[in-house]
C-alpha atoms as a PDB file:
ATOM      1  CA  MET A   1      18.096  46.176  42.794  1.00  0.00           C
ATOM      2  CA  LYS A   2      20.067  49.310  43.694  1.00  0.00           C
ATOM      3  CA  ASN A   3      17.555  51.520  41.873  1.00  0.00           C
ATOM      4  CA  VAL A   4      14.708  49.820  43.735  1.00  0.00           C
ATOM      5  CA  TYR A   5      16.387  50.632  47.051  1.00  0.00           C
ATOM      6  CA  LEU A   6      16.870  54.265  46.059  1.00  0.00           C
ATOM      7  CA  SER A   7      13.242  54.453  44.963  1.00  0.00           C
ATOM      8  CA  ARG A   8      12.107  53.077  48.284  1.00  0.00           C
ATOM      9  CA  LEU A   9      14.126  55.692  50.169  1.00  0.00           C
ATOM     10  CA  LEU A  10      12.506  58.396  48.043  1.00  0.00           C
ATOM     11  CA  VAL A  11       9.012  57.044  48.675  1.00  0.00           C
ATOM     12  CA  LEU A  12       9.584  56.802  52.419  1.00  0.00           C
ATOM     13  CA  GLY A  13      11.067  60.297  52.467  1.00  0.00           C
ATOM     14  CA  LEU A  14       8.072  61.779  50.644  1.00  0.00           C
ATOM     15  CA  THR A  15       5.743  59.898  52.982  1.00  0.00           C
ATOM     16  CA  ALA A  16       7.468  61.513  55.960  1.00  0.00           C
ATOM     17  CA  LEU A  17       7.169  64.953  54.374  1.00  0.00           C
ATOM     18  CA  THR A  18       3.454  64.525  53.747  1.00  0.00           C
ATOM     19  CA  ALA A  19       3.066  63.660  57.430  1.00  0.00           C
ATOM     20  CA  GLY A  20       4.334  67.124  58.322  1.00  0.00           C
ATOM     21  CA  ASN A  21       7.881  66.227  59.338  1.00  0.00           C
ATOM     22  CA  ALA A  22       9.788  69.487  59.789  1.00  0.00           C
ATOM     23  CA  CYS A  23      13.189  67.903  60.502  1.00  0.00           C
ATOM     24  CA  ALA A  24      15.726  66.925  57.876  1.00  0.00           C
ATOM     25  CA  LEU A  25      15.401  63.250  57.021  1.00  0.00           C
ATOM     26  CA  ILE A  26      18.285  60.876  57.556  1.00  0.00           C
ATOM     27  CA  THR A  27      19.303  58.184  55.096  1.00  0.00           C
ATOM     28  CA  ILE A  28      20.228  54.644  56.110  1.00  0.00           C
ATOM     29  CA  ASP A  29      22.780  53.323  53.613  1.00  0.00           C
ATOM     30  CA  SER A  30      21.779  49.727  53.023  1.00  0.00           C
ATOM     31  CA  VAL A  31      22.755  46.717  50.959  1.00  0.00           C
ATOM     32  CA  PRO A  32      20.472  43.975  49.579  1.00  0.00           C
ATOM     33  CA  VAL A  33      20.891  40.464  50.958  1.00  0.00           C
ATOM     34  CA  GLY A  34      19.700  38.006  48.338  1.00  0.00           C
ATOM     35  CA  ASN A  35      20.069  34.247  47.819  1.00  0.00           C
ATOM     36  CA  ALA A  36      16.762  33.669  49.606  1.00  0.00           C
ATOM     37  CA  GLY A  37      16.171  30.193  50.985  1.00  0.00           C
ATOM     38  CA  ASN A  38      19.823  29.518  51.781  1.00  0.00           C
ATOM     39  CA  ALA A  39      20.642  26.694  54.170  1.00  0.00           C
ATOM     40  CA  ALA A  40      21.908  27.389  57.669  1.00  0.00           C
ATOM     41  CA  ASP A  41      25.577  27.201  58.557  1.00  0.00           C
ATOM     42  CA  PRO A  42      26.117  23.469  59.237  1.00  0.00           C
ATOM     43  CA  THR A  43      28.489  24.302  62.079  1.00  0.00           C
ATOM     44  CA  THR A  44      26.301  26.702  64.082  1.00  0.00           C
ATOM     45  CA  GLY A  45      22.776  26.307  62.743  1.00  0.00           C
ATOM     46  CA  PHE A  46      22.395  30.041  62.082  1.00  0.00           C
ATOM     47  CA  GLY A  47      22.024  32.034  58.878  1.00  0.00           C
ATOM     48  CA  ALA A  48      19.068  30.504  57.035  1.00  0.00           C
ATOM     49  CA  VAL A  49      16.738  33.235  55.726  1.00  0.00           C
ATOM     50  CA  GLY A  50      13.846  32.446  53.411  1.00  0.00           C
ATOM     51  CA  TYR A  51      13.426  35.899  51.845  1.00  0.00           C
ATOM     52  CA  ASP A  52      15.429  38.748  50.388  1.00  0.00           C
ATOM     53  CA  TYR A  53      15.932  41.729  52.693  1.00  0.00           C
ATOM     54  CA  GLY A  54      18.133  44.753  53.210  1.00  0.00           C
ATOM     55  CA  ILE A  55      20.511  45.572  56.037  1.00  0.00           C
ATOM     56  CA  GLY A  56      22.425  48.645  57.085  1.00  0.00           C
ATOM     57  CA  LYS A  57      25.745  48.929  55.314  1.00  0.00           C
ATOM     58  CA  TYR A  58      27.134  50.491  58.502  1.00  0.00           C
ATOM     59  CA  GLU A  59      26.301  50.691  62.182  1.00  0.00           C
ATOM     60  CA  VAL A  60      23.911  53.504  63.136  1.00  0.00           C
ATOM     61  CA  THR A  61      26.002  56.623  63.632  1.00  0.00           C
ATOM     62  CA  LEU A  62      26.059  59.502  66.077  1.00  0.00           C
ATOM     63  CA  ASN A  63      24.783  61.812  63.336  1.00  0.00           C
ATOM     64  CA  GLN A  64      21.765  59.584  62.714  1.00  0.00           C
ATOM     65  CA  TYR A  65      20.936  59.036  66.377  1.00  0.00           C
ATOM     66  CA  THR A  66      21.279  62.766  67.128  1.00  0.00           C
ATOM     67  CA  ALA A  67      18.733  63.535  64.391  1.00  0.00           C
ATOM     68  CA  PHE A  68      16.427  60.987  66.043  1.00  0.00           C
ATOM     69  CA  LEU A  69      16.837  62.638  69.451  1.00  0.00           C
ATOM     70  CA  ASN A  70      16.129  66.089  68.075  1.00  0.00           C
ATOM     71  CA  ALA A  71      12.956  64.737  66.461  1.00  0.00           C
ATOM     72  CA  VAL A  72      11.457  62.841  69.420  1.00  0.00           C
ATOM     73  CA  ALA A  73      13.347  63.623  72.633  1.00  0.00           C
ATOM     74  CA  LYS A  74      12.613  67.276  73.427  1.00  0.00           C
ATOM     75  CA  THR A  75      10.862  65.582  76.319  1.00  0.00           C
ATOM     76  CA  ASP A  76      12.820  62.384  76.844  1.00  0.00           C
ATOM     77  CA  THR A  77      10.088  60.189  78.319  1.00  0.00           C
ATOM     78  CA  TYR A  78      11.882  56.865  77.851  1.00  0.00           C
ATOM     79  CA  ARG A  79      15.450  58.058  78.386  1.00  0.00           C
ATOM     80  CA  LEU A  80      16.720  57.676  74.841  1.00  0.00           C
ATOM     81  CA  TYR A  81      19.639  59.882  75.826  1.00  0.00           C
ATOM     82  CA  ASN A  82      22.236  58.610  78.287  1.00  0.00           C
ATOM     83  CA  GLU A  83      24.336  61.285  80.028  1.00  0.00           C
ATOM     84  CA  ASP A  84      27.436  59.137  79.481  1.00  0.00           C
ATOM     85  CA  MET A  85      27.134  59.988  75.793  1.00  0.00           C
ATOM     86  CA  SER A  86      28.634  63.379  76.677  1.00  0.00           C
ATOM     87  CA  SER A  87      30.999  62.413  79.480  1.00  0.00           C
ATOM     88  CA  PHE A  88      32.537  58.959  78.905  1.00  0.00           C
ATOM     89  CA  ARG A  89      35.721  59.940  77.150  1.00  0.00           C
ATOM     90  CA  ASN A  90      36.411  56.627  75.390  1.00  0.00           C
ATOM     91  CA  SER A  91      33.259  56.975  73.273  1.00  0.00           C
ATOM     92  CA  MET A  92      31.948  60.491  73.894  1.00  0.00           C
ATOM     93  CA  GLY A  93      29.617  61.606  71.140  1.00  0.00           C
ATOM     94  CA  ILE A  94      26.362  63.524  71.896  1.00  0.00           C
ATOM     95  CA  SER A  95      25.665  66.523  74.135  1.00  0.00           C
ATOM     96  CA  ARG A  96      22.292  67.752  75.398  1.00  0.00           C
ATOM     97  CA  SER A  97      21.254  71.297  76.258  1.00  0.00           C
ATOM     98  CA  GLY A  98      18.092  72.977  77.493  1.00  0.00           C
ATOM     99  CA  ALA A  99      15.388  71.736  79.828  1.00  0.00           C
ATOM    100  CA  SER A 100      12.828  68.959  79.543  1.00  0.00           C
ATOM    101  CA  GLY A 101      10.280  69.987  76.947  1.00  0.00           C
ATOM    102  CA  SER A 102      12.879  71.869  74.914  1.00  0.00           C
ATOM    103  CA  TYR A 103      15.949  69.617  74.946  1.00  0.00           C
ATOM    104  CA  SER A 104      18.253  69.836  71.936  1.00  0.00           C
ATOM    105  CA  TYR A 105      21.143  67.586  70.987  1.00  0.00           C
ATOM    106  CA  SER A 106      24.405  67.976  69.079  1.00  0.00           C
ATOM    107  CA  VAL A 107      27.268  65.725  68.016  1.00  0.00           C
ATOM    108  CA  ILE A 108      30.635  65.843  69.770  1.00  0.00           C
ATOM    109  CA  GLY A 109      33.533  65.093  67.415  1.00  0.00           C
ATOM    110  CA  SER A 110      33.083  62.920  64.361  1.00  0.00           C
ATOM    111  CA  GLY A 111      29.438  62.075  63.793  1.00  0.00           C
ATOM    112  CA  ASN A 112      30.362  59.073  61.643  1.00  0.00           C
ATOM    113  CA  ARG A 113      31.339  56.981  64.645  1.00  0.00           C
ATOM    114  CA  PRO A 114      28.771  54.414  65.830  1.00  0.00           C
ATOM    115  CA  VAL A 115      26.377  55.505  68.547  1.00  0.00           C
ATOM    116  CA  THR A 116      26.830  53.708  71.879  1.00  0.00           C
ATOM    117  CA  PHE A 117      25.104  53.739  75.292  1.00  0.00           C
ATOM    118  CA  VAL A 118      21.899  52.576  73.611  1.00  0.00           C
ATOM    119  CA  SER A 119      19.738  49.828  75.063  1.00  0.00           C
ATOM    120  CA  TRP A 120      17.798  47.285  73.028  1.00  0.00           C
ATOM    121  CA  TYR A 121      14.682  49.375  73.732  1.00  0.00           C
ATOM    122  CA  ASP A 122      16.392  52.569  72.527  1.00  0.00           C
ATOM    123  CA  SER A 123      17.359  50.765  69.326  1.00  0.00           C
ATOM    124  CA  ALA A 124      13.813  49.442  68.875  1.00  0.00           C
ATOM    125  CA  ARG A 125      12.453  52.976  69.228  1.00  0.00           C
ATOM    126  CA  PHE A 126      14.884  54.219  66.588  1.00  0.00           C
ATOM    127  CA  VAL A 127      13.675  51.642  64.057  1.00  0.00           C
ATOM    128  CA  ASN A 128      10.053  52.360  64.994  1.00  0.00           C
ATOM    129  CA  TRP A 129      10.767  56.006  64.161  1.00  0.00           C
ATOM    130  CA  LEU A 130      12.174  54.979  60.778  1.00  0.00           C
ATOM    131  CA  HIS A 131       9.192  52.684  60.196  1.00  0.00           C
ATOM    132  CA  ASN A 132       6.824  55.596  60.883  1.00  0.00           C
ATOM    133  CA  GLY A 133       8.565  57.935  58.409  1.00  0.00           C
ATOM    134  CA  GLN A 134      10.822  59.853  60.831  1.00  0.00           C
ATOM    135  CA  PRO A 135       8.087  61.990  62.455  1.00  0.00           C
ATOM    136  CA  THR A 136       8.653  64.793  64.954  1.00  0.00           C
ATOM    137  CA  GLY A 137       6.821  64.646  68.280  1.00  0.00           C
ATOM    138  CA  LEU A 138       6.525  63.014  71.645  1.00  0.00           C
ATOM    139  CA  GLN A 139       7.645  59.451  72.332  1.00  0.00           C
ATOM    140  CA  ALA A 140       4.223  57.919  71.717  1.00  0.00           C
ATOM    141  CA  GLU A 141       2.144  55.791  69.345  1.00  0.00           C
ATOM    142  CA  GLY A 142       3.036  56.653  65.771  1.00  0.00           C
ATOM    143  CA  THR A 143       6.495  57.968  66.610  1.00  0.00           C
ATOM    144  CA  THR A 144       8.542  55.587  68.788  1.00  0.00           C
ATOM    145  CA  GLU A 145       6.155  53.254  70.617  1.00  0.00           C
ATOM    146  CA  SER A 146       4.561  51.458  67.655  1.00  0.00           C
ATOM    147  CA  GLY A 147       5.730  50.199  64.286  1.00  0.00           C
ATOM    148  CA  ALA A 148       8.171  47.328  63.991  1.00  0.00           C
ATOM    149  CA  TYR A 149       7.688  46.763  67.738  1.00  0.00           C
ATOM    150  CA  THR A 150       4.826  47.526  70.115  1.00  0.00           C
ATOM    151  CA  LEU A 151       6.521  48.861  73.232  1.00  0.00           C
ATOM    152  CA  ARG A 152       5.156  49.241  76.736  1.00  0.00           C
ATOM    153  CA  GLY A 153       7.874  51.136  78.537  1.00  0.00           C
ATOM    154  CA  ASN A 154      11.228  49.420  78.948  1.00  0.00           C
ATOM    155  CA  THR A 155       9.926  45.992  79.928  1.00  0.00           C
ATOM    156  CA  GLY A 156       9.133  42.723  78.243  1.00  0.00           C
ATOM    157  CA  LEU A 157      10.766  40.541  75.610  1.00  0.00           C
ATOM    158  CA  ILE A 158       9.140  42.204  72.627  1.00  0.00           C
ATOM    159  CA  THR A 159       8.902  40.426  69.272  1.00  0.00           C
ATOM    160  CA  ARG A 160       8.857  41.999  65.824  1.00  0.00           C
ATOM    161  CA  ASN A 161       5.461  42.844  64.325  1.00  0.00           C
ATOM    162  CA  ALA A 162       4.265  41.682  60.928  1.00  0.00           C
ATOM    163  CA  GLY A 163       4.356  44.427  58.325  1.00  0.00           C
ATOM    164  CA  TRP A 164       7.607  45.957  59.577  1.00  0.00           C
ATOM    165  CA  LYS A 165       9.512  48.290  57.255  1.00  0.00           C
ATOM    166  CA  TYR A 166      12.612  48.862  59.372  1.00  0.00           C
ATOM    167  CA  SER A 167      13.657  46.675  62.285  1.00  0.00           C
ATOM    168  CA  LEU A 168      16.550  45.348  64.290  1.00  0.00           C
ATOM    169  CA  PRO A 169      17.928  42.354  62.403  1.00  0.00           C
ATOM    170  CA  SER A 170      17.016  38.887  63.527  1.00  0.00           C
ATOM    171  CA  GLU A 171      20.041  36.852  64.517  1.00  0.00           C
ATOM    172  CA  ASP A 172      19.770  34.878  61.269  1.00  0.00           C
ATOM    173  CA  GLU A 173      19.529  38.080  59.204  1.00  0.00           C
ATOM    174  CA  TRP A 174      22.558  39.559  60.952  1.00  0.00           C
ATOM    175  CA  TYR A 175      24.494  36.280  60.654  1.00  0.00           C
ATOM    176  CA  LYS A 176      23.755  35.767  56.976  1.00  0.00           C
ATOM    177  CA  ALA A 177      24.820  39.311  56.074  1.00  0.00           C
ATOM    178  CA  ALA A 178      28.079  38.811  57.993  1.00  0.00           C
ATOM    179  CA  TYR A 179      29.239  35.282  57.142  1.00  0.00           C
ATOM    180  CA  HIS A 180      27.347  33.855  54.157  1.00  0.00           C
ATOM    181  CA  GLN A 181      28.816  33.563  50.674  1.00  0.00           C
ATOM    182  CA  PRO A 182      27.717  30.737  48.359  1.00  0.00           C
ATOM    183  CA  LEU A 183      30.492  28.409  47.267  1.00  0.00           C
ATOM    184  CA  SER A 184      29.313  28.918  43.685  1.00  0.00           C
ATOM    185  CA  LEU A 185      30.046  32.641  44.085  1.00  0.00           C
ATOM    186  CA  GLY A 186      33.508  32.249  45.572  1.00  0.00           C
ATOM    187  CA  GLY A 187      32.602  31.370  49.145  1.00  0.00           C
ATOM    188  CA  ASP A 188      33.968  28.763  51.499  1.00  0.00           C
ATOM    189  CA  SER A 189      33.183  25.067  50.994  1.00  0.00           C
ATOM    190  CA  ASP A 190      30.188  25.165  53.392  1.00  0.00           C
ATOM    191  CA  ASN A 191      28.991  28.597  52.119  1.00  0.00           C
ATOM    192  CA  TYR A 192      29.994  30.374  55.341  1.00  0.00           C
ATOM    193  CA  TRP A 193      33.150  32.165  56.454  1.00  0.00           C
ATOM    194  CA  LEU A 194      34.447  32.156  60.011  1.00  0.00           C
ATOM    195  CA  TYR A 195      34.890  35.959  60.023  1.00  0.00           C
ATOM    196  CA  PRO A 196      32.745  38.732  58.463  1.00  0.00           C
ATOM    197  CA  THR A 197      35.634  39.775  56.212  1.00  0.00           C
ATOM    198  CA  ARG A 198      35.156  36.891  53.720  1.00  0.00           C
ATOM    199  CA  SER A 199      37.944  34.995  55.438  1.00  0.00           C
ATOM    200  CA  ASN A 200      38.708  32.059  57.712  1.00  0.00           C
ATOM    201  CA  VAL A 201      41.904  33.818  58.790  1.00  0.00           C
ATOM    202  CA  PRO A 202      41.737  36.164  61.806  1.00  0.00           C
ATOM    203  CA  PRO A 203      41.725  39.822  60.722  1.00  0.00           C
ATOM    204  CA  ASN A 204      44.473  42.333  61.351  1.00  0.00           C
ATOM    205  CA  ASN A 205      43.700  45.766  62.749  1.00  0.00           C
ATOM    206  CA  ARG A 206      45.858  48.073  60.608  1.00  0.00           C
ATOM    207  CA  ASN A 207      45.812  49.607  57.114  1.00  0.00           C
ATOM    208  CA  GLY A 208      42.200  48.732  56.403  1.00  0.00           C
ATOM    209  CA  ASN A 209      41.847  51.708  54.107  1.00  0.00           C
ATOM    210  CA  ASP A 210      45.002  51.174  52.131  1.00  0.00           C
ATOM    211  CA  SER A 211      45.950  47.604  51.507  1.00  0.00           C
ATOM    212  CA  ASP A 212      44.406  45.006  53.799  1.00  0.00           C
ATOM    213  CA  PRO A 213      40.800  43.882  53.233  1.00  0.00           C
ATOM    214  CA  ASN A 214      41.029  41.498  56.198  1.00  0.00           C
ATOM    215  CA  SER A 215      41.297  44.211  58.824  1.00  0.00           C
ATOM    216  CA  GLU A 216      39.046  45.519  61.601  1.00  0.00           C
ATOM    217  CA  ASN A 217      39.000  47.896  64.586  1.00  0.00           C
ATOM    218  CA  TYR A 218      39.894  45.640  67.495  1.00  0.00           C
ATOM    219  CA  LEU A 219      42.642  44.664  69.947  1.00  0.00           C
ATOM    220  CA  PHE A 220      45.168  42.798  67.802  1.00  0.00           C
ATOM    221  CA  ALA A 221      48.544  41.718  69.230  1.00  0.00           C
ATOM    222  CA  ASP A 222      47.722  43.884  72.277  1.00  0.00           C
ATOM    223  CA  GLU A 223      47.514  46.990  70.074  1.00  0.00           C
ATOM    224  CA  HIS A 224      44.484  49.257  69.860  1.00  0.00           C
ATOM    225  CA  GLU A 225      43.781  50.125  66.223  1.00  0.00           C
ATOM    226  CA  VAL A 226      42.697  53.744  66.739  1.00  0.00           C
ATOM    227  CA  SER A 227      45.613  54.790  68.937  1.00  0.00           C
ATOM    228  CA  GLY A 228      48.279  52.395  67.609  1.00  0.00           C
ATOM    229  CA  SER A 229      49.264  51.800  71.232  1.00  0.00           C
ATOM    230  CA  THR A 230      49.319  48.758  73.497  1.00  0.00           C
ATOM    231  CA  THR A 231      48.444  51.035  76.423  1.00  0.00           C
ATOM    232  CA  TYR A 232      44.843  51.843  77.280  1.00  0.00           C
ATOM    233  CA  SER A 233      44.155  55.561  77.721  1.00  0.00           C
ATOM    234  CA  SER A 234      41.208  56.877  79.739  1.00  0.00           C
ATOM    235  CA  GLY A 235      41.022  59.931  77.471  1.00  0.00           C
ATOM    236  CA  GLN A 236      41.300  58.233  74.081  1.00  0.00           C
ATOM    237  CA  GLU A 237      38.368  57.853  71.678  1.00  0.00           C
ATOM    238  CA  TYR A 238      38.338  54.217  70.516  1.00  0.00           C
ATOM    239  CA  PRO A 239      35.385  53.744  68.120  1.00  0.00           C
ATOM    240  CA  ALA A 240      36.379  54.275  64.481  1.00  0.00           C
ATOM    241  CA  ASP A 241      34.287  56.037  61.850  1.00  0.00           C
ATOM    242  CA  VAL A 242      32.025  53.460  60.221  1.00  0.00           C
ATOM    243  CA  SER A 243      33.678  54.056  56.849  1.00  0.00           C
ATOM    244  CA  SER A 244      37.253  53.679  58.126  1.00  0.00           C
ATOM    245  CA  PHE A 245      37.940  50.179  56.796  1.00  0.00           C
ATOM    246  CA  SER A 246      36.833  50.584  53.222  1.00  0.00           C
ATOM    247  CA  LEU A 247      38.105  47.203  51.971  1.00  0.00           C
ATOM    248  CA  ASN A 248      36.756  44.922  54.667  1.00  0.00           C
ATOM    249  CA  SER A 249      33.181  44.263  53.581  1.00  0.00           C
ATOM    250  CA  SER A 250      31.266  41.034  53.880  1.00  0.00           C
ATOM    251  CA  PHE A 251      30.125  39.312  50.692  1.00  0.00           C
ATOM    252  CA  TYR A 252      26.895  41.326  50.745  1.00  0.00           C
ATOM    253  CA  GLY A 253      28.675  44.637  51.331  1.00  0.00           C
ATOM    254  CA  THR A 254      28.317  45.341  55.054  1.00  0.00           C
ATOM    255  CA  PHE A 255      31.120  46.865  57.109  1.00  0.00           C
ATOM    256  CA  ASP A 256      32.254  46.524  60.737  1.00  0.00           C
ATOM    257  CA  GLN A 257      30.306  43.391  61.572  1.00  0.00           C
ATOM    258  CA  ALA A 258      33.507  42.489  63.368  1.00  0.00           C
ATOM    259  CA  GLY A 259      34.905  44.914  65.936  1.00  0.00           C
ATOM    260  CA  ASN A 260      34.101  48.561  66.619  1.00  0.00           C
ATOM    261  CA  VAL A 261      30.948  47.906  68.727  1.00  0.00           C
ATOM    262  CA  TRP A 262      28.744  44.974  69.679  1.00  0.00           C
ATOM    263  CA  GLU A 263      25.429  45.095  67.795  1.00  0.00           C
ATOM    264  CA  TRP A 264      21.963  44.297  69.133  1.00  0.00           C
ATOM    265  CA  ASN A 265      19.847  41.743  67.316  1.00  0.00           C
ATOM    266  CA  ASP A 266      16.367  40.330  67.854  1.00  0.00           C
ATOM    267  CA  ALA A 267      17.360  37.047  69.503  1.00  0.00           C
ATOM    268  CA  VAL A 268      15.785  36.254  72.865  1.00  0.00           C
ATOM    269  CA  ILE A 269      18.344  34.435  75.015  1.00  0.00           C
ATOM    270  CA  GLY A 270      16.766  33.679  78.388  1.00  0.00           C
ATOM    271  CA  SER A 271      15.742  37.107  79.717  1.00  0.00           C
ATOM    272  CA  ALA A 272      18.346  38.867  77.553  1.00  0.00           C
ATOM    273  CA  ARG A 273      18.640  40.032  73.930  1.00  0.00           C
ATOM    274  CA  GLY A 274      21.243  38.934  71.426  1.00  0.00           C
ATOM    275  CA  LEU A 275      24.521  40.642  70.586  1.00  0.00           C
ATOM    276  CA  ARG A 276      26.907  39.852  67.745  1.00  0.00           C
ATOM    277  CA  GLY A 277      30.181  41.108  66.313  1.00  0.00           C
ATOM    278  CA  GLY A 278      32.544  41.915  69.174  1.00  0.00           C
ATOM    279  CA  THR A 279      34.006  45.308  69.898  1.00  0.00           C
ATOM    280  CA  ARG A 280      37.085  47.507  69.616  1.00  0.00           C
ATOM    281  CA  ASP A 281      38.832  46.041  72.656  1.00  0.00           C
ATOM    282  CA  ASP A 282      37.964  42.369  72.112  1.00  0.00           C
ATOM    283  CA  ARG A 283      40.114  39.597  70.688  1.00  0.00           C
ATOM    284  CA  GLU A 284      39.334  37.959  67.358  1.00  0.00           C
ATOM    285  CA  TYR A 285      37.357  35.071  68.852  1.00  0.00           C
ATOM    286  CA  SER A 286      34.488  37.518  69.529  1.00  0.00           C
ATOM    287  CA  PHE A 287      34.035  37.964  65.776  1.00  0.00           C
ATOM    288  CA  ARG A 288      33.801  34.287  64.893  1.00  0.00           C
ATOM    289  CA  ALA A 289      30.575  32.887  63.511  1.00  0.00           C
ATOM    290  CA  SER A 290      30.506  30.507  66.480  1.00  0.00           C
ATOM    291  CA  ASP A 291      30.486  33.318  69.072  1.00  0.00           C
ATOM    292  CA  ARG A 292      27.214  34.854  70.256  1.00  0.00           C
ATOM    293  CA  SER A 293      26.601  37.043  73.252  1.00  0.00           C
ATOM    294  CA  SER A 294      23.711  38.749  75.013  1.00  0.00           C
ATOM    295  CA  ASN A 295      22.845  41.479  77.481  1.00  0.00           C
ATOM    296  CA  ALA A 296      19.846  42.701  79.435  1.00  0.00           C
ATOM    297  CA  PRO A 297      17.634  44.665  77.016  1.00  0.00           C
ATOM    298  CA  THR A 298      17.889  47.709  79.301  1.00  0.00           C
ATOM    299  CA  GLY A 299      21.699  47.597  79.226  1.00  0.00           C
ATOM    300  CA  GLU A 300      23.418  50.766  77.946  1.00  0.00           C
ATOM    301  CA  GLU A 301      27.153  50.369  77.531  1.00  0.00           C
ATOM    302  CA  ASN A 302      29.965  52.187  75.780  1.00  0.00           C
ATOM    303  CA  ARG A 303      30.675  49.124  73.640  1.00  0.00           C
ATOM    304  CA  ILE A 304      27.144  48.427  72.323  1.00  0.00           C
ATOM    305  CA  GLY A 305      25.445  49.874  69.237  1.00  0.00           C
ATOM    306  CA  PHE A 306      23.253  48.489  66.456  1.00  0.00           C
ATOM    307  CA  ARG A 307      22.454  48.393  62.759  1.00  0.00           C
ATOM    308  CA  VAL A 308      19.130  48.327  60.923  1.00  0.00           C
ATOM    309  CA  ALA A 309      17.323  45.654  58.912  1.00  0.00           C
ATOM    310  CA  ILE A 310      14.997  46.665  56.070  1.00  0.00           C
ATOM    311  CA  VAL A 311      11.868  44.899  54.841  1.00  0.00           C
ATOM    312  CA  PRO A 312      11.992  42.985  51.549  1.00  0.00           C
ATOM    313  CA  GLU A 313      11.640  45.447  48.715  1.00  0.00           C
ATOM    314  CA  PRO A 314       8.302  46.111  47.008  1.00  0.00           C
ATOM    315  CA  SER A 315       7.887  45.066  43.404  1.00  0.00           C
ATOM    316  CA  VAL A 316       8.593  47.481  40.581  1.00  0.00           C
ATOM    317  CA  THR A 317       4.839  47.468  39.854  1.00  0.00           C
ATOM    318  CA  GLY A 318       4.143  48.447  43.436  1.00  0.00           C
ATOM    319  CA  LEU A 319       6.599  51.321  43.178  1.00  0.00           C
ATOM    320  CA  MET A 320       4.913  52.508  39.986  1.00  0.00           C
ATOM    321  CA  VAL A 321       1.559  52.577  41.764  1.00  0.00           C
ATOM    322  CA  LEU A 322       3.073  54.533  44.640  1.00  0.00           C
ATOM    323  CA  GLY A 323       4.720  56.916  42.209  1.00  0.00           C
ATOM    324  CA  MET A 324       1.409  57.527  40.438  1.00  0.00           C
ATOM    325  CA  ALA A 325      -0.259  58.186  43.777  1.00  0.00           C
ATOM    326  CA  LEU A 326       2.422  60.729  44.655  1.00  0.00           C
ATOM    327  CA  VAL A 327       1.990  62.484  41.323  1.00  0.00           C
ATOM    328  CA  ALA A 328      -1.764  62.630  41.877  1.00  0.00           C
ATOM    329  CA  TRP A 329      -1.214  64.040  45.369  1.00  0.00           C
ATOM    330  CA  LYS A 330       1.108  66.753  44.054  1.00  0.00           C
ATOM    331  CA  ARG A 331      -1.572  67.853  41.527  1.00  0.00           C
ATOM    332  CA  ARG A 332      -4.153  68.532  44.218  1.00  0.00           C
END
């Protein structure tokens, strides 16, 4: 399975190059989510997914989103960049220079922190860009406005298109990756954990790298993980690098599905879109499988980011056909 995922990344990368993409391609580290056809969590009703799929191992980072901006936001038609990205000191991360038509973007500080101040529509445009092979150009059809989603400005409760390659996760896809582990493979008695750290015990927020797999970036015992202080500071960066807690993965291998930042999903909740996972200054109840939240799809906040879902993988035969086509193309 791992080799199939690597092959798919190679194929998509070569596709982008043949389309004339002059920018360096980014890579989305992903993990496969198998056990297709699993039953829903009997407590919440979420988590049933009838197919295998992939999901981002980490939240989308500042490095990745900055590459996206440099590819499609020299003229920022749909406001993919929020000025608070360079001025809000608790999650400052991307600066912009130049004038409209020639904007350029650069990372402030560690680029491995999750991007924030992104709306649901911003996130949908990012996955459209991935779907289309990471092209360079205006925010238009074939770059950001078509693909996994067909967008018409920043309005409407848009649903995912058939044939998607990259997407925002559905709520069930997000939920399964976070909480599911079959009892037969060491999971809880109902095949679902209460927290995304393979545990029914609330996580701690310290020593995630060293000794404690049940640990996340959040407000635990009134202490902020990043600063180690019970006092909030207006000048302190609070998001942690997405690789900070190297022992805290879900059963499928995702990280930070509890804490750090809320993550958009595809759920339509009234006129809002779904959020899951809690954030760096929430209590543990925000990470529970039973907790779901939402926000206006235009909302851009310092505590909201996202991760990416990936289409079920093509067959090995399909990859061989694609590989042969690429070889033939190179011989022209």
